[in-house]
């Protein structure tokens, strides 16, 4: 367990809804509803439950295992987890050290997660291991930008932002490919910064 990362997000838990629940979550609500509508009937892993803000966007009746490195985040999420109309089991877990067997899940979903995983390619490789051959990876992420001045701004902001939360300049699409996934498509939601990434483990 990465204790440093766990403590960072434990500290953020109390105020996380105030920071994220009334701005970004409202702004991306329609996009996220469409994104999570891709949840199928198989076994699903949802990485980084946080305080559970995304749960209201999940379709009903799914079988989901949700993990998060922060026990305090999951404490805040508990009412939202219990209100979900389906099966949603949550566990405190580090993506780098998951106990799941190989090929355990049909689909994996992330939401603004891989801006914060300390070793992103290793974390994605761990997800690849737990995904069934032919299984799907769906990511809603903010990433670095190719364009000036956004690239410069994100590079300047990242040394500060990583101390309290996410990094701003991650090359997540490239990391997905480096972890062994077959990239299917990338849809830009806001410029080239907020995007959905869709990939698959080779059959």
N, C-alpha and C. Protein backbone atom coordinates (compact mmCIF):
# COMPACT_ATOMS: atom_id res chain seq x y z
N UNK A 1 0.84 -1.20 0.00
CA UNK A 1 0.00 0.00 0.00
C UNK A 1 0.88 1.25 0.00
N UNK A 2 0.59 2.15 -0.91
CA UNK A 2 1.31 3.43 -0.99
C UNK A 2 0.75 4.36 0.09
N UNK A 3 1.44 4.41 1.24
CA UNK A 3 0.93 5.16 2.39
C UNK A 3 0.90 6.66 2.11
N UNK A 4 1.89 7.17 1.39
CA UNK A 4 1.93 8.61 1.09
C UNK A 4 0.70 9.03 0.28
N UNK A 5 0.38 8.25 -0.75
CA UNK A 5 -0.80 8.58 -1.57
C UNK A 5 -2.08 8.41 -0.77
N UNK A 6 -2.15 7.35 0.04
CA UNK A 6 -3.35 7.15 0.86
C UNK A 6 -3.58 8.34 1.79
N UNK A 7 -2.54 8.81 2.44
CA UNK A 7 -2.69 9.94 3.37
C UNK A 7 -3.10 11.21 2.63
N UNK A 8 -2.56 11.41 1.42
CA UNK A 8 -2.93 12.60 0.65
C UNK A 8 -4.43 12.64 0.39
N UNK A 9 -4.98 11.50 -0.03
CA UNK A 9 -6.41 11.47 -0.35
C UNK A 9 -7.27 11.35 0.89
N UNK A 10 -6.76 10.79 1.97
CA UNK A 10 -7.48 10.85 3.24
C UNK A 10 -7.67 12.30 3.67
N UNK A 11 -6.62 13.10 3.53
CA UNK A 11 -6.73 14.52 3.90
C UNK A 11 -7.73 15.26 3.02
N UNK A 12 -7.82 14.87 1.76
CA UNK A 12 -8.72 15.57 0.82
C UNK A 12 -10.18 15.17 0.99
N UNK A 13 -10.45 14.06 1.68
CA UNK A 13 -11.80 13.49 1.68
C UNK A 13 -12.86 14.44 2.24
N UNK A 14 -12.53 15.13 3.32
CA UNK A 14 -13.54 15.96 3.98
C UNK A 14 -14.06 17.08 3.09
N UNK A 15 -13.22 17.63 2.24
CA UNK A 15 -13.62 18.77 1.41
C UNK A 15 -13.76 18.42 -0.07
N UNK A 16 -13.64 17.15 -0.40
CA UNK A 16 -13.62 16.77 -1.81
C UNK A 16 -14.94 17.11 -2.51
N UNK A 17 -16.07 16.84 -1.87
CA UNK A 17 -17.36 17.14 -2.49
C UNK A 17 -17.52 18.63 -2.76
N UNK A 18 -17.02 19.45 -1.84
CA UNK A 18 -17.11 20.90 -2.03
C UNK A 18 -16.32 21.33 -3.25
N UNK A 19 -15.16 20.71 -3.47
CA UNK A 19 -14.30 21.07 -4.59
C UNK A 19 -14.81 20.52 -5.92
N UNK A 20 -15.33 19.30 -5.88
CA UNK A 20 -15.65 18.60 -7.13
C UNK A 20 -17.13 18.42 -7.40
N UNK A 21 -17.95 18.50 -6.37
CA UNK A 21 -19.35 18.12 -6.53
C UNK A 21 -20.25 19.15 -7.16
N UNK A 22 -19.86 20.41 -7.13
CA UNK A 22 -20.76 21.47 -7.59
C UNK A 22 -20.22 22.22 -8.79
N UNK A 23 -19.08 21.81 -9.28
CA UNK A 23 -18.50 22.42 -10.47
C UNK A 23 -18.26 21.38 -11.53
N UNK A 24 -17.12 20.68 -11.44
CA UNK A 24 -16.80 19.69 -12.47
C UNK A 24 -17.86 18.62 -12.66
N UNK A 25 -18.45 18.11 -11.56
CA UNK A 25 -19.43 17.03 -11.72
C UNK A 25 -20.68 17.52 -12.43
N UNK A 26 -21.13 18.71 -12.15
CA UNK A 26 -22.29 19.26 -12.85
C UNK A 26 -21.95 19.55 -14.31
N UNK A 27 -20.75 20.04 -14.53
CA UNK A 27 -20.36 20.40 -15.90
C UNK A 27 -20.32 19.18 -16.81
N UNK A 28 -19.83 18.06 -16.29
CA UNK A 28 -19.64 16.88 -17.13
C UNK A 28 -20.75 15.85 -16.97
N UNK A 29 -21.86 16.22 -16.33
CA UNK A 29 -22.89 15.23 -16.03
C UNK A 29 -23.40 14.49 -17.26
N UNK A 30 -23.75 15.20 -18.32
CA UNK A 30 -24.30 14.54 -19.50
C UNK A 30 -23.27 13.62 -20.15
N UNK A 31 -22.02 14.08 -20.19
CA UNK A 31 -20.96 13.26 -20.77
C UNK A 31 -20.75 12.01 -19.93
N UNK A 32 -20.76 12.16 -18.62
CA UNK A 32 -20.52 11.00 -17.76
C UNK A 32 -21.68 10.01 -17.81
N UNK A 33 -22.90 10.50 -17.91
CA UNK A 33 -24.03 9.56 -18.03
C UNK A 33 -23.87 8.71 -19.30
N UNK A 34 -23.50 9.33 -20.39
CA UNK A 34 -23.28 8.58 -21.63
C UNK A 34 -22.09 7.64 -21.49
N UNK A 35 -21.04 8.12 -20.82
CA UNK A 35 -19.84 7.31 -20.62
C UNK A 35 -20.15 6.05 -19.82
N UNK A 36 -20.81 6.20 -18.68
CA UNK A 36 -21.09 5.05 -17.83
C UNK A 36 -22.22 4.18 -18.37
N UNK A 37 -22.98 4.69 -19.33
CA UNK A 37 -24.03 3.85 -19.94
C UNK A 37 -23.43 2.66 -20.67
N UNK A 38 -22.11 2.68 -20.90
CA UNK A 38 -21.44 1.56 -21.55
C UNK A 38 -21.18 0.39 -20.60
N UNK A 39 -21.50 0.56 -19.32
CA UNK A 39 -21.37 -0.55 -18.38
C UNK A 39 -22.28 -1.69 -18.80
N UNK A 40 -21.70 -2.86 -18.95
CA UNK A 40 -22.45 -4.01 -19.43
C UNK A 40 -22.95 -4.91 -18.33
N UNK A 41 -23.28 -6.15 -18.69
CA UNK A 41 -23.89 -7.09 -17.76
C UNK A 41 -22.86 -7.97 -17.05
N UNK A 42 -21.59 -7.88 -17.43
CA UNK A 42 -20.56 -8.71 -16.81
C UNK A 42 -20.05 -8.13 -15.51
N UNK A 43 -18.91 -8.60 -15.07
CA UNK A 43 -18.29 -8.12 -13.83
C UNK A 43 -17.44 -6.90 -14.16
N UNK A 44 -17.66 -5.82 -13.39
CA UNK A 44 -17.06 -4.53 -13.68
C UNK A 44 -16.19 -4.09 -12.52
N UNK A 45 -15.01 -3.57 -12.82
CA UNK A 45 -14.15 -2.92 -11.83
C UNK A 45 -14.19 -1.42 -12.06
N UNK A 46 -14.48 -0.68 -10.99
CA UNK A 46 -14.45 0.79 -11.04
C UNK A 46 -13.32 1.26 -10.14
N UNK A 47 -12.36 1.92 -10.74
CA UNK A 47 -11.15 2.31 -10.03
C UNK A 47 -11.27 3.73 -9.49
N UNK A 48 -10.97 3.88 -8.20
CA UNK A 48 -10.98 5.17 -7.51
C UNK A 48 -12.39 5.71 -7.32
N UNK A 49 -13.11 5.06 -6.42
CA UNK A 49 -14.48 5.45 -6.10
C UNK A 49 -14.53 6.87 -5.54
N UNK A 50 -13.50 7.25 -4.79
CA UNK A 50 -13.52 8.56 -4.15
C UNK A 50 -14.68 8.69 -3.19
N UNK A 51 -15.35 9.82 -3.21
CA UNK A 51 -16.52 10.02 -2.34
C UNK A 51 -17.81 9.55 -3.00
N UNK A 52 -17.69 8.91 -4.15
CA UNK A 52 -18.86 8.30 -4.78
C UNK A 52 -19.66 9.22 -5.67
N UNK A 53 -19.10 10.35 -6.08
CA UNK A 53 -19.86 11.29 -6.90
C UNK A 53 -20.30 10.71 -8.23
N UNK A 54 -19.55 9.76 -8.77
CA UNK A 54 -19.91 9.18 -10.06
C UNK A 54 -21.02 8.14 -9.97
N UNK A 55 -21.31 7.65 -8.78
CA UNK A 55 -22.24 6.51 -8.65
C UNK A 55 -23.62 6.86 -9.19
N UNK A 56 -24.04 8.09 -9.04
CA UNK A 56 -25.38 8.47 -9.51
C UNK A 56 -25.50 8.38 -11.03
N UNK A 57 -24.36 8.30 -11.73
CA UNK A 57 -24.37 8.20 -13.18
C UNK A 57 -24.35 6.74 -13.68
N UNK A 58 -24.19 5.78 -12.75
CA UNK A 58 -24.14 4.38 -13.16
C UNK A 58 -25.52 3.89 -13.58
N UNK A 59 -25.61 3.07 -14.61
CA UNK A 59 -26.89 2.41 -14.90
C UNK A 59 -27.24 1.43 -13.78
N UNK A 60 -28.52 1.20 -13.58
CA UNK A 60 -28.97 0.30 -12.52
C UNK A 60 -28.67 -1.16 -12.86
N UNK A 61 -28.59 -1.96 -11.81
CA UNK A 61 -28.57 -3.41 -11.98
C UNK A 61 -27.24 -4.00 -12.41
N UNK A 62 -26.15 -3.27 -12.25
CA UNK A 62 -24.85 -3.80 -12.64
C UNK A 62 -24.14 -4.45 -11.46
N UNK A 63 -23.14 -5.25 -11.77
CA UNK A 63 -22.33 -5.92 -10.75
C UNK A 63 -20.94 -5.28 -10.77
N UNK A 64 -20.65 -4.46 -9.76
CA UNK A 64 -19.47 -3.59 -9.77
C UNK A 64 -18.65 -3.80 -8.51
N UNK A 65 -17.35 -3.89 -8.68
CA UNK A 65 -16.41 -3.83 -7.56
C UNK A 65 -15.71 -2.48 -7.66
N UNK A 66 -15.83 -1.67 -6.62
CA UNK A 66 -15.21 -0.36 -6.60
C UNK A 66 -14.07 -0.33 -5.60
N UNK A 67 -12.93 0.20 -6.01
CA UNK A 67 -11.79 0.27 -5.10
C UNK A 67 -11.31 1.71 -4.97
N UNK A 68 -10.66 1.98 -3.84
CA UNK A 68 -10.05 3.28 -3.62
C UNK A 68 -8.93 3.11 -2.61
N UNK A 69 -7.88 3.87 -2.76
CA UNK A 69 -6.74 3.77 -1.85
C UNK A 69 -7.02 4.43 -0.51
N UNK A 70 -8.05 5.28 -0.45
CA UNK A 70 -8.33 6.07 0.75
C UNK A 70 -9.53 5.54 1.52
N UNK A 71 -9.33 5.04 2.74
CA UNK A 71 -10.48 4.60 3.53
C UNK A 71 -11.41 5.76 3.90
N UNK A 72 -10.87 6.94 4.07
CA UNK A 72 -11.74 8.08 4.41
C UNK A 72 -12.61 8.48 3.23
N UNK A 73 -12.09 8.38 2.03
CA UNK A 73 -12.93 8.63 0.86
C UNK A 73 -14.10 7.65 0.84
N UNK A 74 -13.83 6.39 1.10
CA UNK A 74 -14.90 5.38 1.06
C UNK A 74 -15.90 5.57 2.20
N UNK A 75 -15.45 6.10 3.32
CA UNK A 75 -16.39 6.42 4.39
C UNK A 75 -17.40 7.47 3.94
N UNK A 76 -16.90 8.51 3.26
CA UNK A 76 -17.79 9.55 2.74
C UNK A 76 -18.71 8.97 1.67
N UNK A 77 -18.19 8.03 0.88
CA UNK A 77 -18.96 7.46 -0.23
C UNK A 77 -20.04 6.49 0.24
N UNK A 78 -19.98 6.03 1.46
CA UNK A 78 -20.84 4.92 1.90
C UNK A 78 -22.33 5.14 1.63
N UNK A 79 -22.92 6.30 1.93
CA UNK A 79 -24.35 6.48 1.63
C UNK A 79 -24.67 6.34 0.14
N UNK A 80 -23.78 6.81 -0.72
CA UNK A 80 -24.00 6.71 -2.16
C UNK A 80 -23.85 5.26 -2.62
N UNK A 81 -22.90 4.56 -2.03
CA UNK A 81 -22.73 3.14 -2.35
C UNK A 81 -23.99 2.37 -1.97
N UNK A 82 -24.50 2.61 -0.77
CA UNK A 82 -25.67 1.89 -0.28
C UNK A 82 -26.92 2.24 -1.07
N UNK A 83 -26.97 3.42 -1.67
CA UNK A 83 -28.15 3.84 -2.42
C UNK A 83 -28.16 3.28 -3.85
N UNK A 84 -27.03 2.72 -4.30
CA UNK A 84 -26.97 2.23 -5.69
C UNK A 84 -27.92 1.06 -5.88
N UNK A 85 -28.69 1.10 -6.96
CA UNK A 85 -29.66 0.03 -7.27
C UNK A 85 -29.01 -1.03 -8.13
N UNK A 86 -28.21 -1.81 -7.50
CA UNK A 86 -27.46 -2.87 -8.15
C UNK A 86 -26.49 -3.42 -7.12
N UNK A 87 -25.49 -4.14 -7.58
CA UNK A 87 -24.48 -4.69 -6.68
C UNK A 87 -23.21 -3.85 -6.79
N UNK A 88 -22.86 -3.20 -5.70
CA UNK A 88 -21.66 -2.36 -5.67
C UNK A 88 -20.91 -2.66 -4.38
N UNK A 89 -19.80 -3.36 -4.51
CA UNK A 89 -18.95 -3.72 -3.37
C UNK A 89 -17.71 -2.84 -3.42
N UNK A 90 -17.36 -2.22 -2.28
CA UNK A 90 -16.18 -1.36 -2.26
C UNK A 90 -15.11 -1.94 -1.34
N UNK A 91 -13.85 -1.70 -1.72
CA UNK A 91 -12.71 -2.18 -0.94
C UNK A 91 -11.61 -1.13 -0.96
N UNK A 92 -10.91 -1.01 0.16
CA UNK A 92 -9.71 -0.19 0.22
C UNK A 92 -8.58 -0.96 -0.46
N UNK A 93 -8.00 -0.36 -1.51
CA UNK A 93 -7.03 -1.11 -2.30
C UNK A 93 -6.18 -0.15 -3.13
N UNK A 94 -4.92 -0.53 -3.30
CA UNK A 94 -3.98 0.19 -4.14
C UNK A 94 -3.95 -0.52 -5.50
N UNK A 95 -4.13 0.23 -6.58
CA UNK A 95 -4.15 -0.39 -7.91
C UNK A 95 -2.85 -1.14 -8.21
N UNK A 96 -1.76 -0.72 -7.59
CA UNK A 96 -0.48 -1.38 -7.83
C UNK A 96 -0.37 -2.73 -7.13
N UNK A 97 -1.31 -3.02 -6.23
CA UNK A 97 -1.21 -4.23 -5.41
C UNK A 97 -2.59 -4.87 -5.25
N UNK A 98 -3.26 -5.12 -6.35
CA UNK A 98 -4.59 -5.72 -6.32
C UNK A 98 -4.50 -7.24 -6.18
N UNK A 99 -5.35 -7.83 -5.36
CA UNK A 99 -5.30 -9.28 -5.16
C UNK A 99 -6.15 -10.08 -6.15
N UNK A 100 -6.78 -9.41 -7.10
CA UNK A 100 -7.67 -10.11 -8.03
C UNK A 100 -6.89 -11.08 -8.91
N UNK A 101 -7.55 -12.18 -9.24
CA UNK A 101 -6.95 -13.13 -10.17
C UNK A 101 -6.87 -12.52 -11.57
N UNK A 102 -6.00 -13.08 -12.38
CA UNK A 102 -5.94 -12.66 -13.78
C UNK A 102 -7.28 -12.90 -14.44
N UNK A 103 -7.62 -12.00 -15.37
CA UNK A 103 -8.85 -12.14 -16.17
C UNK A 103 -10.09 -12.22 -15.30
N UNK A 104 -10.19 -11.34 -14.29
CA UNK A 104 -11.32 -11.35 -13.36
C UNK A 104 -12.50 -10.50 -13.83
N UNK A 105 -12.25 -9.51 -14.69
CA UNK A 105 -13.29 -8.54 -15.01
C UNK A 105 -13.54 -8.45 -16.51
N UNK A 106 -14.81 -8.16 -16.84
CA UNK A 106 -15.20 -7.97 -18.24
C UNK A 106 -14.95 -6.53 -18.70
N UNK A 107 -15.10 -5.60 -17.77
CA UNK A 107 -14.89 -4.19 -18.08
C UNK A 107 -14.22 -3.50 -16.90
N UNK A 108 -13.45 -2.45 -17.19
CA UNK A 108 -12.87 -1.60 -16.17
C UNK A 108 -13.17 -0.15 -16.54
N UNK A 109 -13.59 0.63 -15.55
CA UNK A 109 -13.88 2.05 -15.74
C UNK A 109 -13.04 2.88 -14.77
N UNK A 110 -12.54 4.00 -15.26
CA UNK A 110 -11.86 4.98 -14.41
C UNK A 110 -12.45 6.35 -14.69
N UNK A 111 -12.37 7.22 -13.69
CA UNK A 111 -12.89 8.58 -13.84
C UNK A 111 -11.96 9.55 -13.12
N UNK A 112 -11.21 10.31 -13.89
CA UNK A 112 -10.24 11.28 -13.34
C UNK A 112 -9.36 10.60 -12.29
N UNK A 113 -8.75 9.51 -12.71
CA UNK A 113 -7.99 8.64 -11.81
C UNK A 113 -6.50 8.64 -12.14
N UNK A 114 -6.16 8.49 -13.41
CA UNK A 114 -4.76 8.28 -13.76
C UNK A 114 -3.95 9.56 -13.86
N UNK A 115 -4.55 10.67 -13.42
CA UNK A 115 -3.78 11.88 -13.14
C UNK A 115 -3.14 11.79 -11.76
N UNK A 116 -3.53 10.77 -10.98
CA UNK A 116 -3.09 10.69 -9.58
C UNK A 116 -2.38 9.40 -9.22
N UNK A 117 -2.48 8.37 -10.05
CA UNK A 117 -1.79 7.11 -9.75
C UNK A 117 -0.28 7.36 -9.85
N UNK A 118 0.48 7.05 -8.80
CA UNK A 118 1.91 7.41 -8.79
C UNK A 118 2.72 6.81 -9.93
N UNK A 119 2.46 5.55 -10.27
CA UNK A 119 3.17 4.88 -11.36
C UNK A 119 2.13 4.47 -12.40
N UNK A 120 1.76 5.39 -13.27
CA UNK A 120 0.58 5.15 -14.12
C UNK A 120 0.70 3.97 -15.06
N UNK A 121 1.85 3.75 -15.67
CA UNK A 121 1.97 2.61 -16.59
C UNK A 121 1.88 1.30 -15.81
N UNK A 122 2.51 1.25 -14.64
CA UNK A 122 2.40 0.05 -13.81
C UNK A 122 0.96 -0.18 -13.37
N UNK A 123 0.27 0.90 -13.01
CA UNK A 123 -1.13 0.77 -12.61
C UNK A 123 -2.00 0.27 -13.74
N UNK A 124 -1.79 0.80 -14.93
CA UNK A 124 -2.54 0.34 -16.10
C UNK A 124 -2.21 -1.10 -16.44
N UNK A 125 -0.95 -1.49 -16.29
CA UNK A 125 -0.57 -2.87 -16.54
C UNK A 125 -1.26 -3.81 -15.56
N UNK A 126 -1.43 -3.37 -14.31
CA UNK A 126 -2.16 -4.18 -13.33
C UNK A 126 -3.62 -4.34 -13.73
N UNK A 127 -4.22 -3.28 -14.27
CA UNK A 127 -5.59 -3.38 -14.78
C UNK A 127 -5.64 -4.35 -15.96
N UNK A 128 -4.68 -4.26 -16.85
CA UNK A 128 -4.61 -5.15 -18.01
C UNK A 128 -4.60 -6.61 -17.55
N UNK A 129 -3.87 -6.89 -16.48
CA UNK A 129 -3.76 -8.25 -15.95
C UNK A 129 -5.10 -8.77 -15.45
N UNK A 130 -5.90 -7.89 -14.84
CA UNK A 130 -7.16 -8.33 -14.25
C UNK A 130 -8.31 -8.39 -15.25
N UNK A 131 -8.09 -7.87 -16.46
CA UNK A 131 -9.14 -7.81 -17.47
C UNK A 131 -9.13 -9.09 -18.31
N UNK A 132 -10.31 -9.58 -18.61
CA UNK A 132 -10.41 -10.77 -19.45
C UNK A 132 -9.92 -10.48 -20.86
N UNK A 133 -9.39 -11.46 -21.57
CA UNK A 133 -9.05 -11.25 -22.98
C UNK A 133 -10.29 -10.77 -23.75
N UNK A 134 -10.10 -9.70 -24.48
CA UNK A 134 -11.23 -9.08 -25.18
C UNK A 134 -12.00 -8.09 -24.32
N UNK A 135 -11.64 -7.99 -23.04
CA UNK A 135 -12.33 -7.07 -22.13
C UNK A 135 -12.00 -5.62 -22.42
N UNK A 136 -12.85 -4.74 -21.91
CA UNK A 136 -12.81 -3.32 -22.27
C UNK A 136 -12.31 -2.45 -21.12
N UNK A 137 -11.52 -1.45 -21.47
CA UNK A 137 -11.12 -0.38 -20.57
C UNK A 137 -11.75 0.92 -21.05
N UNK A 138 -12.47 1.60 -20.15
CA UNK A 138 -13.09 2.88 -20.47
C UNK A 138 -12.62 3.91 -19.43
N UNK A 139 -12.08 5.02 -19.91
CA UNK A 139 -11.50 6.02 -19.03
C UNK A 139 -12.05 7.41 -19.35
N UNK A 140 -12.49 8.12 -18.32
CA UNK A 140 -12.81 9.54 -18.41
C UNK A 140 -11.69 10.25 -17.66
N UNK A 141 -10.83 10.98 -18.38
CA UNK A 141 -9.60 11.49 -17.76
C UNK A 141 -9.28 12.90 -18.24
N UNK A 142 -8.58 13.63 -17.39
CA UNK A 142 -7.95 14.87 -17.88
C UNK A 142 -6.46 14.60 -18.01
N UNK A 143 -5.87 15.14 -19.05
CA UNK A 143 -4.50 14.82 -19.40
C UNK A 143 -3.74 16.10 -19.73
N UNK A 144 -2.48 15.93 -20.05
CA UNK A 144 -1.72 17.04 -20.59
C UNK A 144 -2.23 17.44 -21.96
N UNK A 145 -1.77 18.58 -22.45
CA UNK A 145 -2.20 19.10 -23.74
C UNK A 145 -1.01 19.22 -24.69
N UNK A 146 -1.31 19.09 -25.96
CA UNK A 146 -0.28 19.30 -26.99
C UNK A 146 -0.14 20.78 -27.35
N UNK A 147 -1.08 21.60 -26.91
CA UNK A 147 -1.19 22.95 -27.44
C UNK A 147 -0.69 24.02 -26.47
N UNK A 148 -0.05 25.01 -27.02
CA UNK A 148 0.36 26.20 -26.27
C UNK A 148 -0.86 27.13 -26.19
N UNK A 149 -1.14 27.77 -25.02
CA UNK A 149 -0.32 27.82 -23.81
C UNK A 149 -0.69 26.77 -22.78
N UNK A 150 -1.67 25.89 -23.11
CA UNK A 150 -2.14 24.93 -22.10
C UNK A 150 -1.01 24.02 -21.63
N UNK A 151 -0.18 23.55 -22.56
CA UNK A 151 0.91 22.65 -22.19
C UNK A 151 1.84 23.32 -21.19
N UNK A 152 2.21 24.58 -21.47
CA UNK A 152 3.10 25.31 -20.57
C UNK A 152 2.46 25.51 -19.20
N UNK A 153 1.19 25.91 -19.19
CA UNK A 153 0.49 26.14 -17.92
C UNK A 153 0.43 24.87 -17.08
N UNK A 154 0.14 23.75 -17.72
CA UNK A 154 0.02 22.49 -16.98
C UNK A 154 1.37 22.03 -16.45
N UNK A 155 2.40 22.22 -17.24
CA UNK A 155 3.74 21.86 -16.78
C UNK A 155 4.16 22.69 -15.57
N UNK A 156 3.76 23.96 -15.57
CA UNK A 156 4.11 24.83 -14.45
C UNK A 156 3.28 24.51 -13.21
N UNK A 157 2.04 24.10 -13.41
CA UNK A 157 1.14 23.84 -12.28
C UNK A 157 1.40 22.50 -11.60
N UNK A 158 1.92 21.53 -12.35
CA UNK A 158 1.99 20.17 -11.84
C UNK A 158 2.84 20.00 -10.58
N UNK A 159 4.03 20.63 -10.46
CA UNK A 159 4.79 20.44 -9.22
C UNK A 159 4.02 20.82 -7.96
N UNK A 160 3.14 21.80 -8.06
CA UNK A 160 2.31 22.19 -6.92
C UNK A 160 1.09 21.29 -6.79
N UNK A 161 0.41 21.03 -7.89
CA UNK A 161 -0.85 20.29 -7.82
C UNK A 161 -0.66 18.86 -7.33
N UNK A 162 0.49 18.24 -7.66
CA UNK A 162 0.70 16.84 -7.26
C UNK A 162 0.83 16.69 -5.73
N UNK A 163 1.15 17.80 -5.02
CA UNK A 163 1.27 17.72 -3.57
C UNK A 163 -0.09 17.59 -2.90
N UNK A 164 -1.13 18.11 -3.55
CA UNK A 164 -2.45 18.14 -2.93
C UNK A 164 -3.48 17.27 -3.67
N UNK A 165 -3.14 16.84 -4.89
CA UNK A 165 -4.11 16.08 -5.66
C UNK A 165 -3.50 15.58 -6.95
N UNK A 166 -4.12 15.88 -8.09
CA UNK A 166 -3.68 15.30 -9.36
C UNK A 166 -2.51 16.01 -10.00
N UNK A 167 -1.87 15.30 -10.91
CA UNK A 167 -0.91 15.93 -11.81
C UNK A 167 -1.67 16.41 -13.04
N UNK A 168 -1.19 17.48 -13.65
CA UNK A 168 -1.95 18.15 -14.71
C UNK A 168 -1.48 17.78 -16.11
N UNK A 169 -0.34 17.10 -16.23
CA UNK A 169 0.26 16.96 -17.56
C UNK A 169 0.55 15.51 -17.95
N UNK A 170 -0.26 14.57 -17.49
CA UNK A 170 0.00 13.16 -17.77
C UNK A 170 -0.28 12.81 -19.24
N UNK A 171 0.59 12.01 -19.89
CA UNK A 171 0.34 11.51 -21.25
C UNK A 171 -0.45 10.20 -21.20
N UNK A 172 -1.69 10.25 -20.76
CA UNK A 172 -2.42 9.04 -20.41
C UNK A 172 -2.70 8.14 -21.61
N UNK A 173 -2.97 8.72 -22.76
CA UNK A 173 -3.22 7.88 -23.94
C UNK A 173 -1.99 7.04 -24.26
N UNK A 174 -0.82 7.66 -24.22
CA UNK A 174 0.41 6.93 -24.49
C UNK A 174 0.66 5.88 -23.41
N UNK A 175 0.30 6.20 -22.16
CA UNK A 175 0.48 5.24 -21.07
C UNK A 175 -0.40 4.01 -21.26
N UNK A 176 -1.60 4.22 -21.76
CA UNK A 176 -2.51 3.09 -22.02
C UNK A 176 -1.88 2.12 -23.02
N UNK A 177 -1.32 2.65 -24.08
CA UNK A 177 -0.67 1.81 -25.08
C UNK A 177 0.57 1.13 -24.50
N UNK A 178 1.33 1.87 -23.69
CA UNK A 178 2.55 1.30 -23.10
C UNK A 178 2.24 0.16 -22.15
N UNK A 179 1.05 0.15 -21.56
CA UNK A 179 0.66 -0.91 -20.63
C UNK A 179 0.15 -2.16 -21.33
N UNK A 180 0.07 -2.13 -22.67
CA UNK A 180 -0.29 -3.33 -23.42
C UNK A 180 -1.69 -3.35 -23.98
N UNK A 181 -2.46 -2.29 -23.78
CA UNK A 181 -3.82 -2.25 -24.31
C UNK A 181 -3.84 -1.92 -25.80
N UNK A 182 -4.87 -2.40 -26.46
CA UNK A 182 -5.14 -2.01 -27.84
C UNK A 182 -6.08 -0.80 -27.81
N UNK A 183 -5.59 0.34 -28.23
CA UNK A 183 -6.39 1.56 -28.21
C UNK A 183 -7.44 1.51 -29.30
N UNK A 184 -8.70 1.76 -28.94
CA UNK A 184 -9.79 1.74 -29.91
C UNK A 184 -10.19 3.13 -30.35
N UNK A 185 -10.37 4.06 -29.41
CA UNK A 185 -10.67 5.42 -29.82
C UNK A 185 -10.48 6.36 -28.63
N UNK A 186 -10.27 7.62 -28.96
CA UNK A 186 -10.17 8.70 -27.98
C UNK A 186 -11.14 9.79 -28.41
N UNK A 187 -12.03 10.17 -27.52
CA UNK A 187 -13.00 11.23 -27.80
C UNK A 187 -12.68 12.44 -26.93
N UNK A 188 -12.48 13.59 -27.56
CA UNK A 188 -12.17 14.81 -26.82
C UNK A 188 -13.47 15.44 -26.32
N UNK A 189 -13.48 15.72 -25.03
CA UNK A 189 -14.64 16.34 -24.39
C UNK A 189 -14.44 17.84 -24.26
N UNK A 190 -13.24 18.25 -23.87
CA UNK A 190 -12.90 19.67 -23.78
C UNK A 190 -11.48 19.84 -24.31
N UNK A 191 -11.36 20.52 -25.46
CA UNK A 191 -10.08 20.67 -26.14
C UNK A 191 -9.44 19.29 -26.25
N UNK A 192 -8.13 19.18 -25.96
CA UNK A 192 -7.52 17.86 -25.90
C UNK A 192 -7.12 17.53 -24.48
N UNK A 193 -7.78 18.19 -23.51
CA UNK A 193 -7.43 18.04 -22.10
C UNK A 193 -8.34 17.02 -21.41
N UNK A 194 -9.64 17.21 -21.50
CA UNK A 194 -10.60 16.25 -20.95
C UNK A 194 -11.03 15.33 -22.08
N UNK A 195 -10.93 14.04 -21.84
CA UNK A 195 -11.21 13.09 -22.92
C UNK A 195 -11.70 11.76 -22.37
N UNK A 196 -12.33 10.99 -23.22
CA UNK A 196 -12.61 9.60 -22.89
C UNK A 196 -11.70 8.73 -23.76
N UNK A 197 -11.18 7.70 -23.13
CA UNK A 197 -10.24 6.77 -23.76
C UNK A 197 -10.85 5.39 -23.71
N UNK A 198 -10.89 4.72 -24.85
CA UNK A 198 -11.52 3.40 -24.93
C UNK A 198 -10.49 2.43 -25.52
N UNK A 199 -10.23 1.37 -24.77
CA UNK A 199 -9.20 0.41 -25.17
C UNK A 199 -9.67 -0.98 -24.81
N UNK A 200 -8.87 -1.95 -25.22
CA UNK A 200 -9.26 -3.35 -25.04
C UNK A 200 -8.01 -4.20 -24.80
N UNK A 201 -8.17 -5.24 -24.00
CA UNK A 201 -7.13 -6.26 -23.91
C UNK A 201 -7.31 -7.21 -25.10
N UNK A 202 -6.23 -7.52 -25.76
CA UNK A 202 -6.31 -8.38 -26.95
C UNK A 202 -6.98 -9.69 -26.59
N UNK A 203 -7.82 -10.19 -27.48
CA UNK A 203 -8.52 -11.46 -27.27
C UNK A 203 -7.53 -12.61 -27.32
